[in-house]
Amino acid sequence: SGSGGTQAGLLAGTLLNHLQTDVIGVSVSRPRENLEPRVGKICKLVLSLLNYELDPTEYVHVLDEFVGGGYGIPTPESKEALQLLAQTEGLIIDPVYTAKAVAGLIHEVRAGRWAEGSNVLFWHTGGSPALFADSIFWGGAGI
């Protein structure tokens, strides 16, 4: 979750459709205490525009453990995520948004958030322009 807009929209859709699922954002640049209220505010606005009055605060979940040094700065976890997906799945992901989000996904899987066999959707919303922005990073990625 960068600005929180996509997460807020996904959450609004989930709530409007009464889906029994969590929408979890992985922050790439902001602390949870800043991003969660932002997501909640945007979501509440969307819901009110659709005449659905609900305070979404309790449904907003953001992980901020993978921000590291800030936007655009890879972390050890994001480097591991990038390498793991490239080596095991043949997927090339950007080191700015997607690698930090995948690091969050990997962490949650390893922590046992979901039971084996659960359906988990990783919603990727961009990052392609940053794929080859840092040749020094890619040169040392060990892929």
N, C-alpha and C. Protein backbone atom coordinates (compact mmCIF):
# COMPACT_ATOMS: atom_id res chain seq x y z
N SER A 1 0.85 -1.17 0.00
CA SER A 1 0.00 0.00 0.00
C SER A 1 0.90 1.24 0.00
N GLY A 2 0.74 2.07 -0.99
CA GLY A 2 1.53 3.29 -1.07
C GLY A 2 0.74 4.46 -0.51
N SER A 3 -0.19 4.97 -1.32
CA SER A 3 -1.04 6.08 -0.86
C SER A 3 -2.25 5.57 -0.09
N GLY A 4 -2.58 4.31 -0.25
CA GLY A 4 -3.72 3.71 0.44
C GLY A 4 -4.99 3.67 -0.39
N GLY A 5 -5.00 4.30 -1.55
CA GLY A 5 -6.21 4.37 -2.36
C GLY A 5 -6.68 3.02 -2.88
N THR A 6 -5.77 2.23 -3.41
CA THR A 6 -6.16 0.92 -3.92
C THR A 6 -6.65 0.02 -2.80
N GLN A 7 -5.94 0.02 -1.69
CA GLN A 7 -6.36 -0.79 -0.55
C GLN A 7 -7.75 -0.36 -0.07
N ALA A 8 -7.99 0.94 -0.01
CA ALA A 8 -9.29 1.45 0.42
C ALA A 8 -10.40 1.00 -0.53
N GLY A 9 -10.13 1.04 -1.83
CA GLY A 9 -11.11 0.60 -2.82
C GLY A 9 -11.40 -0.88 -2.72
N LEU A 10 -10.35 -1.68 -2.55
CA LEU A 10 -10.55 -3.12 -2.38
C LEU A 10 -11.35 -3.42 -1.12
N LEU A 11 -11.03 -2.70 -0.05
CA LEU A 11 -11.75 -2.90 1.20
C LEU A 11 -13.21 -2.49 1.06
N ALA A 12 -13.47 -1.38 0.40
CA ALA A 12 -14.85 -0.93 0.19
C ALA A 12 -15.63 -1.99 -0.58
N GLY A 13 -15.04 -2.52 -1.63
CA GLY A 13 -15.71 -3.57 -2.42
C GLY A 13 -15.97 -4.82 -1.60
N THR A 14 -15.01 -5.17 -0.77
CA THR A 14 -15.15 -6.34 0.10
C THR A 14 -16.31 -6.14 1.08
N LEU A 15 -16.37 -4.96 1.69
CA LEU A 15 -17.42 -4.67 2.66
C LEU A 15 -18.79 -4.57 2.00
N LEU A 16 -18.85 -3.92 0.85
CA LEU A 16 -20.13 -3.77 0.13
C LEU A 16 -20.71 -5.12 -0.27
N ASN A 17 -19.84 -6.06 -0.57
CA ASN A 17 -20.27 -7.38 -1.02
C ASN A 17 -20.31 -8.41 0.10
N HIS A 18 -20.10 -7.94 1.32
CA HIS A 18 -20.16 -8.81 2.51
C HIS A 18 -19.25 -10.03 2.38
N LEU A 19 -18.06 -9.83 1.83
CA LEU A 19 -17.11 -10.93 1.67
C LEU A 19 -16.40 -11.18 2.99
N GLN A 20 -16.26 -12.41 3.34
CA GLN A 20 -15.59 -12.79 4.58
C GLN A 20 -14.11 -12.98 4.30
N THR A 21 -13.42 -11.88 4.09
CA THR A 21 -11.99 -11.95 3.79
C THR A 21 -11.31 -10.71 4.34
N ASP A 22 -10.02 -10.81 4.54
CA ASP A 22 -9.23 -9.66 4.99
C ASP A 22 -8.56 -9.01 3.79
N VAL A 23 -8.46 -7.71 3.82
CA VAL A 23 -7.68 -6.95 2.84
C VAL A 23 -6.50 -6.39 3.63
N ILE A 24 -5.32 -6.91 3.35
CA ILE A 24 -4.13 -6.54 4.11
C ILE A 24 -3.19 -5.78 3.19
N GLY A 25 -2.86 -4.56 3.56
CA GLY A 25 -1.90 -3.77 2.80
C GLY A 25 -0.52 -3.89 3.40
N VAL A 26 0.48 -3.90 2.54
CA VAL A 26 1.87 -3.88 3.00
C VAL A 26 2.44 -2.53 2.60
N SER A 27 2.74 -1.71 3.59
CA SER A 27 3.23 -0.36 3.31
C SER A 27 4.63 -0.41 2.72
N VAL A 28 4.86 0.43 1.72
CA VAL A 28 6.19 0.54 1.14
C VAL A 28 6.91 1.81 1.59
N SER A 29 6.18 2.69 2.31
CA SER A 29 6.83 3.95 2.66
C SER A 29 6.32 4.63 3.93
N ARG A 30 5.17 4.25 4.43
CA ARG A 30 4.57 4.97 5.56
C ARG A 30 4.38 4.05 6.76
N PRO A 31 4.50 4.61 7.96
CA PRO A 31 4.21 3.80 9.14
C PRO A 31 2.71 3.48 9.23
N ARG A 32 2.41 2.34 9.82
CA ARG A 32 1.03 1.87 9.98
C ARG A 32 0.13 2.94 10.59
N GLU A 33 0.64 3.63 11.63
CA GLU A 33 -0.21 4.61 12.32
C GLU A 33 -0.59 5.79 11.43
N ASN A 34 0.13 6.01 10.34
CA ASN A 34 -0.24 7.04 9.37
C ASN A 34 -1.12 6.48 8.25
N LEU A 35 -0.81 5.27 7.82
CA LEU A 35 -1.50 4.71 6.66
C LEU A 35 -2.87 4.14 6.99
N GLU A 36 -3.02 3.47 8.12
CA GLU A 36 -4.33 2.88 8.45
C GLU A 36 -5.44 3.93 8.52
N PRO A 37 -5.24 5.07 9.20
CA PRO A 37 -6.31 6.09 9.21
C PRO A 37 -6.60 6.63 7.81
N ARG A 38 -5.58 6.75 7.00
CA ARG A 38 -5.74 7.25 5.63
C ARG A 38 -6.61 6.28 4.81
N VAL A 39 -6.28 4.98 4.90
CA VAL A 39 -7.06 3.97 4.19
C VAL A 39 -8.51 3.99 4.69
N GLY A 40 -8.68 4.06 6.00
CA GLY A 40 -10.03 4.10 6.58
C GLY A 40 -10.84 5.29 6.11
N LYS A 41 -10.20 6.45 6.04
CA LYS A 41 -10.89 7.67 5.62
C LYS A 41 -11.33 7.58 4.16
N ILE A 42 -10.44 7.09 3.30
CA ILE A 42 -10.78 6.96 1.88
C ILE A 42 -11.90 5.93 1.71
N CYS A 43 -11.77 4.81 2.41
CA CYS A 43 -12.79 3.75 2.32
C CYS A 43 -14.15 4.27 2.79
N LYS A 44 -14.16 4.99 3.89
CA LYS A 44 -15.42 5.52 4.43
C LYS A 44 -16.06 6.48 3.44
N LEU A 45 -15.24 7.30 2.78
CA LEU A 45 -15.75 8.24 1.77
C LEU A 45 -16.39 7.47 0.61
N VAL A 46 -15.70 6.46 0.12
CA VAL A 46 -16.24 5.65 -0.98
C VAL A 46 -17.56 5.01 -0.57
N LEU A 47 -17.59 4.43 0.62
CA LEU A 47 -18.82 3.79 1.10
C LEU A 47 -19.96 4.79 1.22
N SER A 48 -19.66 5.99 1.73
CA SER A 48 -20.73 6.99 1.89
C SER A 48 -21.24 7.48 0.54
N LEU A 49 -20.35 7.58 -0.46
CA LEU A 49 -20.79 7.96 -1.80
C LEU A 49 -21.76 6.94 -2.39
N LEU A 50 -21.66 5.71 -1.90
CA LEU A 50 -22.54 4.63 -2.35
C LEU A 50 -23.68 4.38 -1.38
N ASN A 51 -23.89 5.36 -0.48
CA ASN A 51 -24.98 5.29 0.52
C ASN A 51 -24.88 4.07 1.41
N TYR A 52 -23.66 3.73 1.79
CA TYR A 52 -23.43 2.60 2.68
C TYR A 52 -22.69 3.16 3.89
N GLU A 53 -23.40 3.30 4.97
CA GLU A 53 -22.82 3.91 6.16
C GLU A 53 -22.21 2.84 7.06
N LEU A 54 -20.91 2.82 7.13
CA LEU A 54 -20.18 1.87 7.95
C LEU A 54 -18.82 2.47 8.27
N ASP A 55 -18.39 2.34 9.49
CA ASP A 55 -17.04 2.77 9.85
C ASP A 55 -16.11 1.59 9.60
N PRO A 56 -15.23 1.70 8.60
CA PRO A 56 -14.39 0.57 8.23
C PRO A 56 -13.13 0.40 9.08
N THR A 57 -12.97 1.23 10.10
CA THR A 57 -11.72 1.26 10.87
C THR A 57 -11.26 -0.11 11.32
N GLU A 58 -12.15 -0.92 11.85
CA GLU A 58 -11.74 -2.23 12.39
C GLU A 58 -11.31 -3.21 11.30
N TYR A 59 -11.62 -2.89 10.05
CA TYR A 59 -11.29 -3.79 8.94
C TYR A 59 -10.00 -3.39 8.21
N VAL A 60 -9.40 -2.29 8.61
CA VAL A 60 -8.18 -1.81 7.94
C VAL A 60 -6.97 -2.46 8.59
N HIS A 61 -6.19 -3.19 7.76
CA HIS A 61 -4.99 -3.87 8.25
C HIS A 61 -3.81 -3.49 7.36
N VAL A 62 -2.77 -2.95 7.98
CA VAL A 62 -1.56 -2.57 7.26
C VAL A 62 -0.36 -3.16 7.98
N LEU A 63 0.53 -3.78 7.22
CA LEU A 63 1.81 -4.23 7.74
C LEU A 63 2.84 -3.18 7.37
N ASP A 64 3.62 -2.73 8.33
CA ASP A 64 4.65 -1.72 8.01
C ASP A 64 6.06 -2.20 8.36
N GLU A 65 6.21 -3.47 8.64
CA GLU A 65 7.51 -4.00 9.04
C GLU A 65 8.51 -4.09 7.88
N PHE A 66 8.06 -3.82 6.66
CA PHE A 66 8.90 -4.04 5.49
C PHE A 66 9.25 -2.75 4.76
N VAL A 67 8.98 -1.60 5.41
CA VAL A 67 9.30 -0.30 4.82
C VAL A 67 10.82 -0.11 4.72
N GLY A 68 11.53 -0.55 5.75
CA GLY A 68 12.98 -0.38 5.76
C GLY A 68 13.36 1.08 5.82
N GLY A 69 14.35 1.45 5.01
CA GLY A 69 14.85 2.82 4.99
C GLY A 69 13.93 3.80 4.29
N GLY A 70 12.84 3.31 3.69
CA GLY A 70 11.90 4.20 3.03
C GLY A 70 11.63 3.79 1.60
N TYR A 71 10.92 4.66 0.91
CA TYR A 71 10.52 4.40 -0.46
C TYR A 71 11.74 4.21 -1.35
N GLY A 72 11.71 3.17 -2.15
CA GLY A 72 12.77 2.94 -3.13
C GLY A 72 14.03 2.33 -2.57
N ILE A 73 14.06 2.05 -1.29
CA ILE A 73 15.26 1.48 -0.67
C ILE A 73 14.98 0.01 -0.36
N PRO A 74 15.63 -0.92 -1.08
CA PRO A 74 15.40 -2.34 -0.82
C PRO A 74 15.81 -2.73 0.60
N THR A 75 15.15 -3.74 1.11
CA THR A 75 15.47 -4.29 2.43
C THR A 75 16.00 -5.71 2.24
N PRO A 76 16.63 -6.29 3.25
CA PRO A 76 17.04 -7.69 3.13
C PRO A 76 15.85 -8.60 2.80
N GLU A 77 14.70 -8.32 3.40
CA GLU A 77 13.50 -9.13 3.13
C GLU A 77 13.01 -8.97 1.70
N SER A 78 13.07 -7.74 1.17
CA SER A 78 12.61 -7.54 -0.21
C SER A 78 13.58 -8.19 -1.19
N LYS A 79 14.87 -8.16 -0.88
CA LYS A 79 15.85 -8.84 -1.74
C LYS A 79 15.61 -10.35 -1.74
N GLU A 80 15.32 -10.89 -0.55
CA GLU A 80 15.02 -12.33 -0.46
C GLU A 80 13.77 -12.66 -1.27
N ALA A 81 12.74 -11.84 -1.15
CA ALA A 81 11.49 -12.08 -1.88
C ALA A 81 11.73 -12.03 -3.38
N LEU A 82 12.47 -11.04 -3.84
CA LEU A 82 12.79 -10.90 -5.25
C LEU A 82 13.51 -12.14 -5.76
N GLN A 83 14.52 -12.58 -5.02
CA GLN A 83 15.30 -13.76 -5.42
C GLN A 83 14.45 -15.02 -5.39
N LEU A 84 13.66 -15.19 -4.35
CA LEU A 84 12.83 -16.39 -4.20
C LEU A 84 11.86 -16.54 -5.36
N LEU A 85 11.16 -15.47 -5.72
CA LEU A 85 10.20 -15.56 -6.82
C LEU A 85 10.89 -15.79 -8.16
N ALA A 86 12.04 -15.15 -8.36
CA ALA A 86 12.77 -15.35 -9.62
C ALA A 86 13.28 -16.78 -9.73
N GLN A 87 13.82 -17.31 -8.65
CA GLN A 87 14.43 -18.64 -8.69
C GLN A 87 13.41 -19.77 -8.67
N THR A 88 12.31 -19.60 -7.96
CA THR A 88 11.35 -20.71 -7.82
C THR A 88 10.17 -20.62 -8.77
N GLU A 89 9.79 -19.42 -9.18
CA GLU A 89 8.59 -19.25 -10.00
C GLU A 89 8.87 -18.61 -11.35
N GLY A 90 10.09 -18.11 -11.55
CA GLY A 90 10.41 -17.43 -12.80
C GLY A 90 9.74 -16.08 -12.92
N LEU A 91 9.36 -15.50 -11.78
CA LEU A 91 8.70 -14.19 -11.77
C LEU A 91 9.71 -13.10 -11.44
N ILE A 92 9.72 -12.07 -12.24
CA ILE A 92 10.59 -10.93 -11.99
C ILE A 92 9.71 -9.81 -11.45
N ILE A 93 10.05 -9.35 -10.26
CA ILE A 93 9.26 -8.29 -9.61
C ILE A 93 10.16 -7.09 -9.33
N ASP A 94 9.54 -5.94 -9.20
CA ASP A 94 10.33 -4.74 -8.94
C ASP A 94 10.74 -4.68 -7.47
N PRO A 95 11.90 -4.06 -7.20
CA PRO A 95 12.41 -3.99 -5.83
C PRO A 95 11.80 -2.88 -4.99
N VAL A 96 10.95 -2.04 -5.57
CA VAL A 96 10.38 -0.91 -4.83
C VAL A 96 9.07 -1.30 -4.17
N TYR A 97 8.02 -1.48 -4.96
CA TYR A 97 6.71 -1.82 -4.40
C TYR A 97 6.57 -3.32 -4.16
N THR A 98 6.68 -4.06 -5.23
CA THR A 98 6.27 -5.46 -5.21
C THR A 98 7.13 -6.32 -4.30
N ALA A 99 8.44 -6.14 -4.31
CA ALA A 99 9.30 -6.99 -3.48
C ALA A 99 9.01 -6.78 -1.99
N LYS A 100 8.72 -5.56 -1.60
CA LYS A 100 8.37 -5.32 -0.18
C LYS A 100 7.02 -5.96 0.15
N ALA A 101 6.07 -5.88 -0.78
CA ALA A 101 4.76 -6.49 -0.54
C ALA A 101 4.87 -8.01 -0.49
N VAL A 102 5.67 -8.59 -1.39
CA VAL A 102 5.87 -10.04 -1.38
C VAL A 102 6.60 -10.46 -0.11
N ALA A 103 7.53 -9.64 0.36
CA ALA A 103 8.20 -9.94 1.64
C ALA A 103 7.18 -10.02 2.76
N GLY A 104 6.19 -9.14 2.74
CA GLY A 104 5.12 -9.19 3.73
C GLY A 104 4.30 -10.46 3.60
N LEU A 105 3.99 -10.85 2.37
CA LEU A 105 3.24 -12.08 2.13
C LEU A 105 4.02 -13.29 2.65
N ILE A 106 5.30 -13.36 2.32
CA ILE A 106 6.14 -14.47 2.77
C ILE A 106 6.18 -14.52 4.29
N HIS A 107 6.34 -13.38 4.91
CA HIS A 107 6.37 -13.32 6.37
C HIS A 107 5.07 -13.86 6.97
N GLU A 108 3.94 -13.44 6.43
CA GLU A 108 2.65 -13.87 6.96
C GLU A 108 2.44 -15.37 6.76
N VAL A 109 2.89 -15.90 5.63
CA VAL A 109 2.79 -17.35 5.39
C VAL A 109 3.64 -18.10 6.40
N ARG A 110 4.88 -17.66 6.56
CA ARG A 110 5.79 -18.32 7.51
C ARG A 110 5.30 -18.21 8.95
N ALA A 111 4.60 -17.13 9.26
CA ALA A 111 4.08 -16.93 10.62
C ALA A 111 2.79 -17.72 10.86
N GLY A 112 2.28 -18.37 9.81
CA GLY A 112 1.10 -19.20 9.97
C GLY A 112 -0.23 -18.46 9.96
N ARG A 113 -0.26 -17.29 9.32
CA ARG A 113 -1.51 -16.51 9.27
C ARG A 113 -2.64 -17.33 8.63
N TRP A 114 -2.32 -18.10 7.61
CA TRP A 114 -3.33 -18.87 6.90
C TRP A 114 -3.05 -20.36 7.04
N ALA A 115 -4.11 -21.13 7.15
CA ALA A 115 -3.97 -22.59 7.23
C ALA A 115 -3.52 -23.13 5.88
N GLU A 116 -2.81 -24.24 5.91
CA GLU A 116 -2.39 -24.88 4.67
C GLU A 116 -3.62 -25.16 3.81
N GLY A 117 -3.50 -24.87 2.53
CA GLY A 117 -4.60 -25.08 1.61
C GLY A 117 -5.53 -23.88 1.47
N SER A 118 -5.28 -22.82 2.24
CA SER A 118 -6.12 -21.62 2.15
C SER A 118 -5.90 -20.93 0.81
N ASN A 119 -6.91 -20.24 0.35
CA ASN A 119 -6.79 -19.42 -0.84
C ASN A 119 -6.33 -18.03 -0.43
N VAL A 120 -5.21 -17.60 -0.99
CA VAL A 120 -4.66 -16.28 -0.71
C VAL A 120 -4.43 -15.59 -2.04
N LEU A 121 -4.95 -14.39 -2.18
CA LEU A 121 -4.78 -13.62 -3.41
C LEU A 121 -3.80 -12.50 -3.14
N PHE A 122 -2.74 -12.45 -3.94
CA PHE A 122 -1.78 -11.33 -3.89
C PHE A 122 -2.16 -10.41 -5.04
N TRP A 123 -2.63 -9.22 -4.70
CA TRP A 123 -3.11 -8.27 -5.71
C TRP A 123 -1.97 -7.32 -6.06
N HIS A 124 -1.43 -7.48 -7.26
CA HIS A 124 -0.32 -6.66 -7.72
C HIS A 124 -0.87 -5.51 -8.55
N THR A 125 -0.55 -4.28 -8.17
CA THR A 125 -1.14 -3.13 -8.87
C THR A 125 -0.12 -2.24 -9.56
N GLY A 126 1.06 -2.73 -9.76
CA GLY A 126 2.01 -1.89 -10.48
C GLY A 126 3.44 -2.20 -10.10
N GLY A 127 4.30 -1.28 -10.44
CA GLY A 127 5.70 -1.44 -10.13
C GLY A 127 6.56 -1.76 -11.34
N SER A 128 5.93 -2.10 -12.46
CA SER A 128 6.70 -2.47 -13.64
C SER A 128 7.70 -1.42 -14.09
N PRO A 129 7.39 -0.12 -14.02
CA PRO A 129 8.39 0.87 -14.43
C PRO A 129 9.68 0.81 -13.62
N ALA A 130 9.60 0.29 -12.41
CA ALA A 130 10.80 0.23 -11.56
C ALA A 130 11.60 -1.05 -11.75
N LEU A 131 11.15 -1.93 -12.65
CA LEU A 131 11.81 -3.22 -12.81
C LEU A 131 13.31 -3.11 -13.05
N PHE A 132 13.70 -2.24 -13.95
CA PHE A 132 15.11 -2.17 -14.32
C PHE A 132 15.73 -0.82 -13.97
N ALA A 133 15.16 -0.16 -13.00
CA ALA A 133 15.63 1.18 -12.63
C ALA A 133 16.96 1.16 -11.92
N ASP A 134 17.30 0.08 -11.26
CA ASP A 134 18.51 0.05 -10.45
C ASP A 134 19.38 -1.13 -10.86
N SER A 135 20.23 -0.92 -11.86
CA SER A 135 21.06 -2.00 -12.37
C SER A 135 22.06 -2.50 -11.33
N ILE A 136 22.45 -1.63 -10.41
CA ILE A 136 23.37 -2.06 -9.35
C ILE A 136 22.68 -3.10 -8.47
N PHE A 137 21.41 -2.84 -8.13
CA PHE A 137 20.66 -3.80 -7.32
C PHE A 137 20.53 -5.12 -8.05
N TRP A 138 20.11 -5.05 -9.32
CA TRP A 138 19.90 -6.28 -10.08
C TRP A 138 21.21 -7.02 -10.29
N GLY A 139 22.28 -6.28 -10.51
CA GLY A 139 23.57 -6.92 -10.70
C GLY A 139 24.01 -7.73 -9.50
N GLY A 140 23.59 -7.32 -8.31
CA GLY A 140 23.96 -8.04 -7.10
C GLY A 140 22.87 -8.92 -6.56
N ALA A 141 21.82 -9.14 -7.35
CA ALA A 141 20.68 -9.90 -6.84
C ALA A 141 20.95 -11.39 -6.76
N GLY A 142 21.94 -11.88 -7.49
CA GLY A 142 22.26 -13.29 -7.43
C GLY A 142 21.21 -14.18 -8.06
N ILE A 143 20.53 -13.66 -9.06
CA ILE A 143 19.48 -14.46 -9.71
C ILE A 143 20.10 -15.33 -10.77
